[in-house]
Amino acid sequence: MNADGSDVQLLPIPEDPAGDYDPSWAPDGVQIAFTSLRSGRPHIWIYNLETGILDELSNTRFPDFQPDWDPSSKNIAFIRSFNSNQVWIHPTNGEEAWQYSVSGNVDNFDPLWYQNGEAILYSQAPVSGTTPPWLVSLAYEKRGTSAEVRIPPLVPNEPLFPLSQSTISPDSQWIVFESWPDGVNHDIYRMAIDGSGRVRLTKDPGYDFSPVWRPLP
């Protein structure tokens, strides 16, 4: 739809009652990746607006979801689930997908390319689900290793601060995210890219989530 909410249109693809979600525009403005259940389990699909072609990118036996494009529109980061959820990369040129994170017995989710494609930001939480999620970054040059950097750094004896649904500002200087430090109400917070200067932005009694940034003019 248009930015003002007008002219809402369905993508011209076969409708499926199973459901489509997690849409992600490619930076080239030509392709849309999304998660679909139309093949029986969550997989990544791509629709090309110029050719009208719909392709199932991740045709595997694993659940794949939450796609995010790199700045070149040539690779998609996504979450693959087996034993735990890990970040994977799928080139769009026909090459095989490969594992980006090797985080161990934690679930990763909401991958987000940043630093012009030189790193991926993502949330983590124990598979057990007993601890609030936190935020980490893994540089592309350190892919396939456990050299993740926690944002902000973990401070001994300080209570854990949940971080989820993070998005990075267009100038790559700030992160906005959803948090619920009281364990109940969800609000939107902002912090610098290194995790410093955390500020609460909303104080609504209802749940606030999924923040996004206004693009630069």
N, C-alpha and C. Protein backbone atom coordinates (compact mmCIF):
# COMPACT_ATOMS: atom_id res chain seq x y z
N MET A 1 0.85 -1.19 0.00
CA MET A 1 0.00 0.00 0.00
C MET A 1 0.88 1.24 0.00
N ASN A 2 0.26 2.39 -0.34
CA ASN A 2 0.98 3.65 -0.28
C ASN A 2 1.26 4.02 1.17
N ALA A 3 2.21 4.92 1.37
CA ALA A 3 2.62 5.30 2.71
C ALA A 3 1.47 5.93 3.51
N ASP A 4 0.48 6.51 2.81
CA ASP A 4 -0.65 7.11 3.52
C ASP A 4 -1.77 6.11 3.78
N GLY A 5 -1.53 4.83 3.44
CA GLY A 5 -2.52 3.79 3.69
C GLY A 5 -3.49 3.55 2.56
N SER A 6 -3.34 4.30 1.47
CA SER A 6 -4.26 4.15 0.35
C SER A 6 -3.77 3.08 -0.64
N ASP A 7 -4.66 2.68 -1.54
CA ASP A 7 -4.35 1.76 -2.63
C ASP A 7 -3.74 0.45 -2.13
N VAL A 8 -4.44 -0.19 -1.21
CA VAL A 8 -3.99 -1.49 -0.68
C VAL A 8 -4.23 -2.57 -1.73
N GLN A 9 -3.20 -3.33 -2.05
CA GLN A 9 -3.31 -4.37 -3.08
C GLN A 9 -2.67 -5.66 -2.58
N LEU A 10 -3.28 -6.77 -2.93
CA LEU A 10 -2.66 -8.07 -2.70
C LEU A 10 -1.56 -8.29 -3.72
N LEU A 11 -0.48 -8.96 -3.32
CA LEU A 11 0.50 -9.38 -4.32
C LEU A 11 -0.18 -10.32 -5.30
N PRO A 12 0.11 -10.19 -6.59
CA PRO A 12 -0.52 -11.06 -7.60
C PRO A 12 0.09 -12.46 -7.61
N ILE A 13 -0.07 -13.15 -6.48
CA ILE A 13 0.42 -14.53 -6.36
C ILE A 13 -0.76 -15.40 -5.94
N PRO A 14 -0.68 -16.70 -6.19
CA PRO A 14 -1.78 -17.58 -5.79
C PRO A 14 -2.04 -17.47 -4.28
N GLU A 15 -3.29 -17.20 -3.93
CA GLU A 15 -3.62 -17.13 -2.51
C GLU A 15 -3.59 -18.52 -1.90
N ASP A 16 -3.21 -18.58 -0.64
CA ASP A 16 -3.12 -19.86 0.04
C ASP A 16 -3.63 -19.68 1.47
N PRO A 17 -4.53 -20.52 1.92
CA PRO A 17 -5.10 -20.34 3.26
C PRO A 17 -4.09 -20.63 4.38
N ALA A 18 -2.98 -21.24 4.05
CA ALA A 18 -1.99 -21.56 5.08
C ALA A 18 -1.39 -20.31 5.68
N GLY A 19 -1.15 -19.27 4.87
CA GLY A 19 -0.69 -18.00 5.40
C GLY A 19 0.67 -17.58 4.93
N ASP A 20 0.85 -16.27 4.71
CA ASP A 20 2.12 -15.63 4.36
C ASP A 20 2.39 -14.53 5.39
N TYR A 21 3.66 -14.38 5.79
CA TYR A 21 3.99 -13.36 6.80
C TYR A 21 5.47 -13.02 6.72
N ASP A 22 5.97 -12.18 7.62
CA ASP A 22 7.37 -11.72 7.63
C ASP A 22 7.81 -11.08 6.32
N PRO A 23 7.03 -10.18 5.70
CA PRO A 23 7.47 -9.60 4.42
C PRO A 23 8.70 -8.72 4.60
N SER A 24 9.59 -8.76 3.60
CA SER A 24 10.83 -7.98 3.65
C SER A 24 11.16 -7.50 2.24
N TRP A 25 11.14 -6.17 2.03
CA TRP A 25 11.51 -5.60 0.73
C TRP A 25 13.02 -5.72 0.53
N ALA A 26 13.42 -6.08 -0.68
CA ALA A 26 14.84 -6.01 -1.04
C ALA A 26 15.23 -4.56 -1.25
N PRO A 27 16.48 -4.17 -0.94
CA PRO A 27 16.91 -2.80 -1.19
C PRO A 27 16.76 -2.37 -2.64
N ASP A 28 16.78 -3.33 -3.59
CA ASP A 28 16.63 -2.95 -5.00
C ASP A 28 15.20 -2.54 -5.34
N GLY A 29 14.26 -2.73 -4.42
CA GLY A 29 12.88 -2.33 -4.65
C GLY A 29 12.12 -3.19 -5.63
N VAL A 30 12.72 -4.30 -6.06
CA VAL A 30 12.13 -5.15 -7.08
C VAL A 30 11.59 -6.45 -6.50
N GLN A 31 12.17 -6.89 -5.39
CA GLN A 31 11.84 -8.20 -4.84
C GLN A 31 11.29 -8.08 -3.42
N ILE A 32 10.39 -8.99 -3.09
CA ILE A 32 9.87 -9.10 -1.73
C ILE A 32 10.07 -10.54 -1.27
N ALA A 33 10.76 -10.70 -0.16
CA ALA A 33 10.89 -12.01 0.48
C ALA A 33 9.85 -12.10 1.59
N PHE A 34 9.36 -13.29 1.84
CA PHE A 34 8.41 -13.49 2.93
C PHE A 34 8.42 -14.95 3.36
N THR A 35 7.88 -15.19 4.54
CA THR A 35 7.71 -16.56 5.01
C THR A 35 6.32 -17.03 4.63
N SER A 36 6.23 -18.27 4.16
CA SER A 36 4.93 -18.82 3.79
C SER A 36 4.82 -20.26 4.29
N LEU A 37 3.58 -20.64 4.61
CA LEU A 37 3.28 -22.02 5.00
C LEU A 37 2.67 -22.80 3.84
N ARG A 38 2.71 -22.23 2.63
CA ARG A 38 2.02 -22.84 1.50
C ARG A 38 2.63 -24.16 1.06
N SER A 39 3.87 -24.46 1.48
CA SER A 39 4.47 -25.76 1.12
C SER A 39 4.38 -26.76 2.26
N GLY A 40 3.69 -26.40 3.33
CA GLY A 40 3.49 -27.34 4.43
C GLY A 40 4.27 -27.02 5.69
N ARG A 41 5.34 -26.25 5.57
CA ARG A 41 6.10 -25.78 6.73
C ARG A 41 6.65 -24.40 6.41
N PRO A 42 7.07 -23.62 7.40
CA PRO A 42 7.58 -22.28 7.10
C PRO A 42 8.80 -22.33 6.19
N HIS A 43 8.73 -21.64 5.06
CA HIS A 43 9.84 -21.52 4.13
C HIS A 43 9.91 -20.09 3.61
N ILE A 44 11.09 -19.71 3.08
CA ILE A 44 11.28 -18.38 2.52
C ILE A 44 10.92 -18.41 1.03
N TRP A 45 10.08 -17.49 0.63
CA TRP A 45 9.68 -17.33 -0.76
C TRP A 45 10.07 -15.92 -1.22
N ILE A 46 10.28 -15.77 -2.53
CA ILE A 46 10.61 -14.47 -3.10
C ILE A 46 9.68 -14.20 -4.28
N TYR A 47 9.09 -12.99 -4.27
CA TYR A 47 8.30 -12.55 -5.42
C TYR A 47 9.02 -11.41 -6.11
N ASN A 48 9.20 -11.52 -7.43
CA ASN A 48 9.84 -10.49 -8.23
C ASN A 48 8.76 -9.64 -8.91
N LEU A 49 8.72 -8.35 -8.57
CA LEU A 49 7.66 -7.49 -9.10
C LEU A 49 7.84 -7.19 -10.58
N GLU A 50 9.05 -7.31 -11.12
CA GLU A 50 9.28 -7.03 -12.54
C GLU A 50 8.91 -8.21 -13.41
N THR A 51 9.27 -9.43 -12.96
CA THR A 51 9.01 -10.62 -13.78
C THR A 51 7.71 -11.31 -13.41
N GLY A 52 7.18 -11.03 -12.21
CA GLY A 52 5.98 -11.71 -11.75
C GLY A 52 6.23 -13.14 -11.31
N ILE A 53 7.50 -13.52 -11.13
CA ILE A 53 7.85 -14.89 -10.76
C ILE A 53 7.88 -15.04 -9.24
N LEU A 54 7.27 -16.11 -8.75
CA LEU A 54 7.30 -16.47 -7.33
C LEU A 54 8.15 -17.73 -7.16
N ASP A 55 9.19 -17.65 -6.35
CA ASP A 55 10.09 -18.79 -6.14
C ASP A 55 10.15 -19.16 -4.67
N GLU A 56 10.21 -20.46 -4.41
CA GLU A 56 10.45 -20.95 -3.06
C GLU A 56 11.97 -21.04 -2.87
N LEU A 57 12.53 -20.12 -2.10
CA LEU A 57 13.98 -20.07 -1.95
C LEU A 57 14.50 -21.20 -1.09
N SER A 58 13.86 -21.44 0.05
CA SER A 58 14.38 -22.42 1.00
C SER A 58 13.51 -23.67 1.01
N ASN A 59 13.68 -24.48 0.02
CA ASN A 59 12.90 -25.72 -0.11
C ASN A 59 13.62 -26.84 0.64
N THR A 60 13.46 -26.87 1.95
CA THR A 60 14.16 -27.85 2.79
C THR A 60 13.17 -28.53 3.72
N ARG A 61 13.68 -29.44 4.53
CA ARG A 61 12.84 -30.11 5.52
C ARG A 61 12.80 -29.34 6.84
N PHE A 62 13.49 -28.18 6.90
CA PHE A 62 13.55 -27.40 8.12
C PHE A 62 12.60 -26.20 8.04
N PRO A 63 12.07 -25.76 9.18
CA PRO A 63 11.34 -24.49 9.20
C PRO A 63 12.31 -23.32 9.02
N ASP A 64 12.04 -22.45 8.06
CA ASP A 64 12.84 -21.26 7.78
C ASP A 64 11.93 -20.04 7.82
N PHE A 65 12.36 -18.95 8.47
CA PHE A 65 11.48 -17.80 8.62
C PHE A 65 12.30 -16.55 8.94
N GLN A 66 11.62 -15.40 9.02
CA GLN A 66 12.19 -14.09 9.34
C GLN A 66 13.32 -13.68 8.37
N PRO A 67 13.02 -13.52 7.08
CA PRO A 67 14.06 -13.12 6.12
C PRO A 67 14.43 -11.65 6.25
N ASP A 68 15.70 -11.33 5.97
CA ASP A 68 16.17 -9.94 5.92
C ASP A 68 17.27 -9.85 4.86
N TRP A 69 17.14 -8.90 3.93
CA TRP A 69 18.07 -8.77 2.80
C TRP A 69 19.34 -8.05 3.21
N ASP A 70 20.45 -8.42 2.59
CA ASP A 70 21.67 -7.63 2.74
C ASP A 70 21.59 -6.42 1.81
N PRO A 71 22.48 -5.42 1.99
CA PRO A 71 22.38 -4.19 1.18
C PRO A 71 22.51 -4.42 -0.32
N SER A 72 23.14 -5.52 -0.73
CA SER A 72 23.32 -5.78 -2.16
C SER A 72 22.12 -6.45 -2.82
N SER A 73 21.15 -6.86 -2.02
CA SER A 73 19.98 -7.62 -2.51
C SER A 73 20.37 -8.98 -3.08
N LYS A 74 21.55 -9.49 -2.69
CA LYS A 74 22.03 -10.77 -3.22
C LYS A 74 21.99 -11.90 -2.19
N ASN A 75 21.80 -11.56 -0.91
CA ASN A 75 21.78 -12.56 0.14
C ASN A 75 20.67 -12.26 1.13
N ILE A 76 20.09 -13.30 1.69
CA ILE A 76 19.05 -13.15 2.68
C ILE A 76 19.47 -13.85 3.95
N ALA A 77 19.46 -13.13 5.07
CA ALA A 77 19.63 -13.74 6.38
C ALA A 77 18.26 -14.21 6.85
N PHE A 78 18.22 -15.35 7.51
CA PHE A 78 16.95 -15.87 8.00
C PHE A 78 17.22 -16.80 9.18
N ILE A 79 16.16 -17.23 9.82
CA ILE A 79 16.27 -18.17 10.93
C ILE A 79 15.87 -19.56 10.45
N ARG A 80 16.75 -20.53 10.71
CA ARG A 80 16.44 -21.94 10.45
C ARG A 80 16.35 -22.66 11.78
N SER A 81 15.32 -23.48 11.93
CA SER A 81 15.04 -24.14 13.20
C SER A 81 15.31 -25.64 13.11
N PHE A 82 16.31 -26.10 13.85
CA PHE A 82 16.50 -27.53 14.12
C PHE A 82 17.30 -27.62 15.41
N ASN A 83 16.73 -28.28 16.42
CA ASN A 83 17.25 -28.30 17.78
C ASN A 83 17.16 -26.91 18.41
N SER A 84 17.76 -25.92 17.76
CA SER A 84 17.60 -24.53 18.18
C SER A 84 17.50 -23.67 16.93
N ASN A 85 17.14 -22.41 17.11
CA ASN A 85 17.03 -21.48 15.98
C ASN A 85 18.37 -20.79 15.76
N GLN A 86 18.90 -20.88 14.53
CA GLN A 86 20.18 -20.26 14.21
C GLN A 86 20.03 -19.38 12.96
N VAL A 87 20.92 -18.39 12.85
CA VAL A 87 20.92 -17.51 11.68
C VAL A 87 21.62 -18.22 10.52
N TRP A 88 20.98 -18.23 9.39
CA TRP A 88 21.54 -18.78 8.16
C TRP A 88 21.54 -17.71 7.09
N ILE A 89 22.35 -17.93 6.05
CA ILE A 89 22.40 -17.03 4.89
C ILE A 89 22.04 -17.83 3.65
N HIS A 90 21.17 -17.26 2.83
CA HIS A 90 20.80 -17.92 1.57
C HIS A 90 21.08 -16.97 0.41
N PRO A 91 22.09 -17.24 -0.42
CA PRO A 91 22.29 -16.44 -1.63
C PRO A 91 21.08 -16.60 -2.55
N THR A 92 20.79 -15.59 -3.34
CA THR A 92 19.66 -15.66 -4.26
C THR A 92 20.07 -16.07 -5.66
N ASN A 93 21.34 -16.44 -5.85
CA ASN A 93 21.83 -16.83 -7.17
C ASN A 93 21.81 -18.33 -7.40
N GLY A 94 21.16 -19.07 -6.53
CA GLY A 94 21.06 -20.51 -6.68
C GLY A 94 22.03 -21.30 -5.83
N GLU A 95 22.98 -20.64 -5.17
CA GLU A 95 23.90 -21.35 -4.29
C GLU A 95 23.18 -21.83 -3.04
N GLU A 96 23.78 -22.80 -2.35
CA GLU A 96 23.18 -23.39 -1.17
C GLU A 96 23.25 -22.44 0.03
N ALA A 97 22.29 -22.57 0.93
CA ALA A 97 22.31 -21.82 2.17
C ALA A 97 23.43 -22.33 3.08
N TRP A 98 23.93 -21.45 3.95
CA TRP A 98 24.97 -21.85 4.88
C TRP A 98 24.74 -21.19 6.23
N GLN A 99 25.25 -21.83 7.28
CA GLN A 99 24.98 -21.39 8.65
C GLN A 99 25.90 -20.25 9.04
N TYR A 100 25.31 -19.18 9.56
CA TYR A 100 26.05 -17.98 9.96
C TYR A 100 26.41 -18.01 11.44
N SER A 101 25.43 -18.33 12.29
CA SER A 101 25.67 -18.35 13.73
C SER A 101 25.80 -19.78 14.24
N VAL A 102 26.66 -19.96 15.23
CA VAL A 102 26.82 -21.26 15.89
C VAL A 102 26.73 -21.00 17.40
N SER A 103 25.57 -20.55 17.82
CA SER A 103 25.41 -19.99 19.15
C SER A 103 25.22 -21.01 20.26
N GLY A 104 25.10 -22.30 19.90
CA GLY A 104 24.90 -23.30 20.94
C GLY A 104 23.44 -23.44 21.32
N ASN A 105 23.19 -23.74 22.59
CA ASN A 105 21.84 -24.07 23.04
C ASN A 105 21.03 -22.82 23.38
N VAL A 106 20.92 -21.93 22.41
CA VAL A 106 20.05 -20.75 22.52
C VAL A 106 19.29 -20.61 21.21
N ASP A 107 18.18 -19.90 21.28
CA ASP A 107 17.42 -19.57 20.08
C ASP A 107 17.78 -18.17 19.62
N ASN A 108 18.11 -18.03 18.34
CA ASN A 108 18.33 -16.73 17.72
C ASN A 108 17.07 -16.35 16.93
N PHE A 109 16.78 -15.06 16.86
CA PHE A 109 15.63 -14.62 16.08
C PHE A 109 15.79 -13.15 15.70
N ASP A 110 14.98 -12.71 14.73
CA ASP A 110 14.97 -11.33 14.23
C ASP A 110 16.33 -10.88 13.71
N PRO A 111 16.93 -11.58 12.74
CA PRO A 111 18.22 -11.13 12.20
C PRO A 111 18.08 -9.84 11.41
N LEU A 112 19.12 -9.00 11.49
CA LEU A 112 19.07 -7.69 10.84
C LEU A 112 20.47 -7.32 10.38
N TRP A 113 20.67 -7.19 9.06
CA TRP A 113 21.96 -6.73 8.53
C TRP A 113 22.19 -5.27 8.95
N TYR A 114 23.44 -4.93 9.26
CA TYR A 114 23.77 -3.52 9.47
C TYR A 114 25.26 -3.33 9.22
N GLN A 115 25.74 -2.10 9.44
CA GLN A 115 27.12 -1.72 9.11
C GLN A 115 27.42 -2.02 7.64
N ASN A 116 26.45 -1.69 6.78
CA ASN A 116 26.58 -1.88 5.34
C ASN A 116 26.87 -3.33 4.98
N GLY A 117 26.24 -4.24 5.71
CA GLY A 117 26.39 -5.66 5.42
C GLY A 117 27.59 -6.31 6.07
N GLU A 118 28.29 -5.60 6.95
CA GLU A 118 29.48 -6.15 7.58
C GLU A 118 29.19 -6.88 8.88
N ALA A 119 27.91 -6.86 9.34
CA ALA A 119 27.55 -7.55 10.58
C ALA A 119 26.05 -7.81 10.57
N ILE A 120 25.62 -8.74 11.41
CA ILE A 120 24.20 -9.03 11.59
C ILE A 120 23.87 -8.92 13.07
N LEU A 121 22.80 -8.22 13.36
CA LEU A 121 22.29 -8.05 14.71
C LEU A 121 21.14 -9.03 14.89
N TYR A 122 21.05 -9.69 16.04
CA TYR A 122 19.92 -10.58 16.29
C TYR A 122 19.71 -10.77 17.79
N SER A 123 18.50 -11.15 18.15
CA SER A 123 18.16 -11.42 19.54
C SER A 123 18.45 -12.88 19.86
N GLN A 124 18.67 -13.14 21.15
CA GLN A 124 18.89 -14.50 21.63
C GLN A 124 18.06 -14.73 22.88
N ALA A 125 17.70 -15.99 23.10
CA ALA A 125 17.03 -16.39 24.33
C ALA A 125 17.32 -17.88 24.54
N PRO A 126 17.39 -18.33 25.78
CA PRO A 126 17.60 -19.76 26.03
C PRO A 126 16.49 -20.59 25.42
N VAL A 127 16.83 -21.77 24.95
CA VAL A 127 15.82 -22.66 24.39
C VAL A 127 14.75 -22.96 25.42
N SER A 128 15.14 -22.98 26.68
CA SER A 128 14.18 -23.26 27.75
C SER A 128 13.15 -22.16 27.90
N GLY A 129 13.48 -20.93 27.46
CA GLY A 129 12.55 -19.82 27.55
C GLY A 129 12.40 -19.25 28.94
N THR A 130 13.36 -19.52 29.84
CA THR A 130 13.25 -19.07 31.22
C THR A 130 13.93 -17.73 31.47
N THR A 131 14.65 -17.19 30.48
CA THR A 131 15.38 -15.94 30.63
C THR A 131 14.95 -14.97 29.55
N PRO A 132 14.80 -13.67 29.86
CA PRO A 132 14.41 -12.70 28.83
C PRO A 132 15.44 -12.64 27.70
N PRO A 133 15.02 -12.32 26.47
CA PRO A 133 15.95 -12.25 25.35
C PRO A 133 16.92 -11.08 25.48
N TRP A 134 18.09 -11.23 24.86
CA TRP A 134 19.08 -10.18 24.82
C TRP A 134 19.53 -9.98 23.37
N LEU A 135 20.39 -9.01 23.13
CA LEU A 135 20.78 -8.63 21.77
C LEU A 135 22.26 -8.90 21.56
N VAL A 136 22.62 -9.46 20.39
CA VAL A 136 24.02 -9.69 20.05
C VAL A 136 24.29 -9.26 18.62
N SER A 137 25.57 -9.08 18.32
CA SER A 137 26.03 -8.78 16.96
C SER A 137 27.14 -9.74 16.61
N LEU A 138 27.16 -10.19 15.36
CA LEU A 138 28.24 -11.04 14.88
C LEU A 138 28.74 -10.49 13.55
N ALA A 139 30.01 -10.10 13.51
CA ALA A 139 30.60 -9.54 12.30
C ALA A 139 30.66 -10.60 11.20
N TYR A 140 30.47 -10.17 9.96
CA TYR A 140 30.49 -11.10 8.83
C TYR A 140 31.84 -11.81 8.72
N GLU A 141 32.92 -11.10 9.01
CA GLU A 141 34.24 -11.72 8.91
C GLU A 141 34.44 -12.80 9.97
N LYS A 142 33.58 -12.82 11.01
CA LYS A 142 33.68 -13.82 12.06
C LYS A 142 32.52 -14.82 11.99
N ARG A 143 31.86 -14.87 10.83
CA ARG A 143 30.74 -15.80 10.64
C ARG A 143 31.18 -17.24 10.91
N GLY A 144 30.25 -18.02 11.43
CA GLY A 144 30.56 -19.41 11.72
C GLY A 144 31.36 -19.61 12.98
N THR A 145 31.53 -18.55 13.78
CA THR A 145 32.25 -18.65 15.04
C THR A 145 31.31 -18.22 16.17
N SER A 146 31.79 -18.36 17.40
CA SER A 146 31.01 -17.95 18.56
C SER A 146 31.41 -16.56 19.05
N ALA A 147 32.02 -15.75 18.17
CA ALA A 147 32.54 -14.43 18.56
C ALA A 147 31.44 -13.37 18.53
N GLU A 148 30.31 -13.68 19.15
CA GLU A 148 29.21 -12.72 19.22
C GLU A 148 29.50 -11.66 20.28
N VAL A 149 29.05 -10.45 20.02
CA VAL A 149 29.22 -9.34 20.95
C VAL A 149 27.86 -8.97 21.51
N ARG A 150 27.74 -8.97 22.81
CA ARG A 150 26.46 -8.64 23.45
C ARG A 150 26.29 -7.12 23.51
N ILE A 151 25.06 -6.64 23.16
CA ILE A 151 24.75 -5.21 23.14
C ILE A 151 23.50 -4.96 23.99
N PRO A 152 23.62 -4.17 25.09
CA PRO A 152 24.87 -3.68 25.69
C PRO A 152 25.60 -4.81 26.39
N PRO A 153 26.85 -4.58 26.77
CA PRO A 153 27.60 -5.64 27.46
C PRO A 153 26.91 -6.05 28.76
N LEU A 154 27.05 -7.32 29.11
CA LEU A 154 26.46 -7.84 30.34
C LEU A 154 27.25 -7.31 31.53
N VAL A 155 26.55 -6.72 32.48
CA VAL A 155 27.18 -6.15 33.68
C VAL A 155 26.85 -7.05 34.87
N PRO A 156 27.87 -7.57 35.56
CA PRO A 156 27.62 -8.45 36.72
C PRO A 156 26.75 -7.77 37.77
N ASN A 157 25.83 -8.54 38.33
CA ASN A 157 24.96 -8.10 39.43
C ASN A 157 23.89 -7.10 39.01
N GLU A 158 23.82 -6.78 37.72
CA GLU A 158 22.72 -5.94 37.24
C GLU A 158 21.61 -6.82 36.68
N PRO A 159 20.34 -6.45 36.90
CA PRO A 159 19.24 -7.27 36.38
C PRO A 159 19.25 -7.32 34.85
N LEU A 160 18.81 -8.46 34.31
CA LEU A 160 18.75 -8.61 32.86
C LEU A 160 17.68 -7.69 32.29
N PHE A 161 17.99 -7.09 31.14
CA PHE A 161 17.08 -6.16 30.48
C PHE A 161 16.66 -6.78 29.16
N PRO A 162 15.39 -7.17 29.00
CA PRO A 162 14.97 -7.84 27.76
C PRO A 162 15.02 -6.92 26.56
N LEU A 163 15.49 -7.44 25.43
CA LEU A 163 15.53 -6.68 24.18
C LEU A 163 14.99 -7.55 23.05
N SER A 164 14.05 -7.00 22.29
CA SER A 164 13.46 -7.75 21.18
C SER A 164 13.00 -6.77 20.11
N GLN A 165 12.75 -7.29 18.89
CA GLN A 165 12.21 -6.50 17.78
C GLN A 165 13.06 -5.25 17.52
N SER A 166 14.38 -5.42 17.43
CA SER A 166 15.29 -4.29 17.26
C SER A 166 15.32 -3.82 15.81
N THR A 167 15.43 -2.51 15.62
CA THR A 167 15.68 -1.94 14.29
C THR A 167 16.72 -0.83 14.42
N ILE A 168 17.52 -0.65 13.37
CA ILE A 168 18.63 0.28 13.39
C ILE A 168 18.27 1.53 12.59
N SER A 169 18.67 2.69 13.08
CA SER A 169 18.37 3.95 12.42
C SER A 169 19.07 4.04 11.06
N PRO A 170 18.54 4.84 10.12
CA PRO A 170 19.17 4.95 8.80
C PRO A 170 20.62 5.42 8.84
N ASP A 171 21.01 6.18 9.88
CA ASP A 171 22.40 6.62 9.97
C ASP A 171 23.28 5.63 10.75
N SER A 172 22.69 4.48 11.14
CA SER A 172 23.41 3.40 11.83
C SER A 172 23.97 3.81 13.19
N GLN A 173 23.37 4.82 13.81
CA GLN A 173 23.87 5.31 15.09
C GLN A 173 23.01 4.88 16.28
N TRP A 174 21.77 4.44 16.02
CA TRP A 174 20.84 4.15 17.09
C TRP A 174 20.07 2.86 16.84
N ILE A 175 19.60 2.28 17.93
CA ILE A 175 18.75 1.09 17.88
C ILE A 175 17.47 1.40 18.65
N VAL A 176 16.32 1.11 18.07
CA VAL A 176 15.07 1.12 18.83
C VAL A 176 14.62 -0.32 18.98
N PHE A 177 13.95 -0.60 20.09
CA PHE A 177 13.59 -1.99 20.38
C PHE A 177 12.43 -2.03 21.36
N GLU A 178 11.88 -3.21 21.49
CA GLU A 178 10.81 -3.49 22.43
C GLU A 178 11.42 -4.08 23.71
N SER A 179 10.90 -3.63 24.86
CA SER A 179 11.39 -4.19 26.12
C SER A 179 10.29 -4.19 27.16
N TRP A 180 10.45 -5.04 28.16
CA TRP A 180 9.48 -5.16 29.25
C TRP A 180 10.22 -5.46 30.56
N PRO A 181 10.99 -4.48 31.05
CA PRO A 181 11.82 -4.70 32.23
C PRO A 181 11.03 -5.04 33.49
N ASP A 182 9.75 -4.63 33.56
CA ASP A 182 8.95 -4.99 34.73
C ASP A 182 8.33 -6.37 34.60
N GLY A 183 8.59 -7.03 33.47
CA GLY A 183 8.06 -8.37 33.25
C GLY A 183 6.62 -8.40 32.80
N VAL A 184 6.02 -7.21 32.58
CA VAL A 184 4.60 -7.16 32.24
C VAL A 184 4.37 -6.30 30.99
N ASN A 185 4.53 -4.98 31.13
CA ASN A 185 4.17 -4.07 30.04
C ASN A 185 5.32 -3.89 29.05
N HIS A 186 4.99 -3.93 27.76
CA HIS A 186 5.99 -3.78 26.71
C HIS A 186 5.98 -2.35 26.19
N ASP A 187 7.16 -1.72 26.16
CA ASP A 187 7.31 -0.36 25.65
C ASP A 187 8.47 -0.30 24.67
N ILE A 188 8.61 0.86 24.01
CA ILE A 188 9.67 1.07 23.03
C ILE A 188 10.79 1.87 23.68
N TYR A 189 12.02 1.43 23.44
CA TYR A 189 13.21 2.07 23.99
C TYR A 189 14.18 2.39 22.85
N ARG A 190 15.11 3.30 23.14
CA ARG A 190 16.17 3.64 22.19
C ARG A 190 17.50 3.60 22.92
N MET A 191 18.55 3.18 22.19
CA MET A 191 19.90 3.24 22.73
C MET A 191 20.88 3.45 21.58
N ALA A 192 22.08 3.88 21.91
CA ALA A 192 23.12 4.03 20.89
C ALA A 192 23.52 2.66 20.36
N ILE A 193 24.19 2.65 19.23
CA ILE A 193 24.53 1.39 18.56
C ILE A 193 25.43 0.50 19.42
N ASP A 194 26.14 1.10 20.39
CA ASP A 194 26.99 0.31 21.29
C ASP A 194 26.26 -0.11 22.56
N GLY A 195 24.98 0.23 22.66
CA GLY A 195 24.19 -0.16 23.82
C GLY A 195 24.14 0.87 24.93
N SER A 196 24.78 2.01 24.77
CA SER A 196 24.79 3.04 25.80
C SER A 196 23.60 3.98 25.64
N GLY A 197 23.33 4.78 26.69
CA GLY A 197 22.32 5.82 26.60
C GLY A 197 20.91 5.32 26.39
N ARG A 198 20.51 4.27 27.10
CA ARG A 198 19.17 3.71 26.91
C ARG A 198 18.10 4.68 27.41
N VAL A 199 17.06 4.90 26.58
CA VAL A 199 15.98 5.83 26.90
C VAL A 199 14.64 5.16 26.58
N ARG A 200 13.70 5.28 27.49
CA ARG A 200 12.35 4.78 27.25
C ARG A 200 11.57 5.82 26.45
N LEU A 201 10.97 5.41 25.34
CA LEU A 201 10.28 6.34 24.45
C LEU A 201 8.76 6.35 24.65
N THR A 202 8.18 5.21 25.02
CA THR A 202 6.72 5.15 25.20
C THR A 202 6.39 4.74 26.63
N LYS A 203 5.24 5.22 27.10
CA LYS A 203 4.78 4.88 28.45
C LYS A 203 3.31 4.52 28.42
N ASP A 204 2.91 3.88 27.35
CA ASP A 204 1.51 3.52 27.18
C ASP A 204 1.19 2.29 28.03
N PRO A 205 -0.01 2.24 28.65
CA PRO A 205 -0.36 1.07 29.45
C PRO A 205 -0.59 -0.18 28.62
N GLY A 206 -0.81 -0.01 27.30
CA GLY A 206 -0.93 -1.16 26.42
C GLY A 206 0.41 -1.59 25.89
N TYR A 207 0.46 -2.72 25.20
CA TYR A 207 1.71 -3.25 24.64
C TYR A 207 2.14 -2.41 23.44
N ASP A 208 3.39 -2.00 23.40
CA ASP A 208 4.00 -1.35 22.24
C ASP A 208 5.08 -2.28 21.70
N PHE A 209 5.12 -2.46 20.38
CA PHE A 209 6.08 -3.41 19.81
C PHE A 209 6.33 -3.09 18.34
N SER A 210 7.31 -3.78 17.75
CA SER A 210 7.64 -3.68 16.32
C SER A 210 7.94 -2.24 15.88
N PRO A 211 8.87 -1.54 16.51
CA PRO A 211 9.18 -0.17 16.10
C PRO A 211 9.92 -0.12 14.77
N VAL A 212 9.77 0.97 14.03
CA VAL A 212 10.51 1.20 12.78
C VAL A 212 10.96 2.64 12.74
N TRP A 213 11.98 2.91 11.92
CA TRP A 213 12.51 4.26 11.78
C TRP A 213 11.96 4.94 10.54
N ARG A 214 11.78 6.24 10.63
CA ARG A 214 11.45 7.04 9.43
C ARG A 214 12.71 7.12 8.57
N PRO A 215 12.62 6.83 7.27
CA PRO A 215 13.80 6.93 6.39
C PRO A 215 14.34 8.36 6.35
N LEU A 216 15.61 8.47 6.07
CA LEU A 216 16.21 9.79 5.88
C LEU A 216 15.61 10.46 4.65
N PRO A 217 15.44 11.81 4.66
CA PRO A 217 14.90 12.49 3.48
C PRO A 217 15.79 12.27 2.26
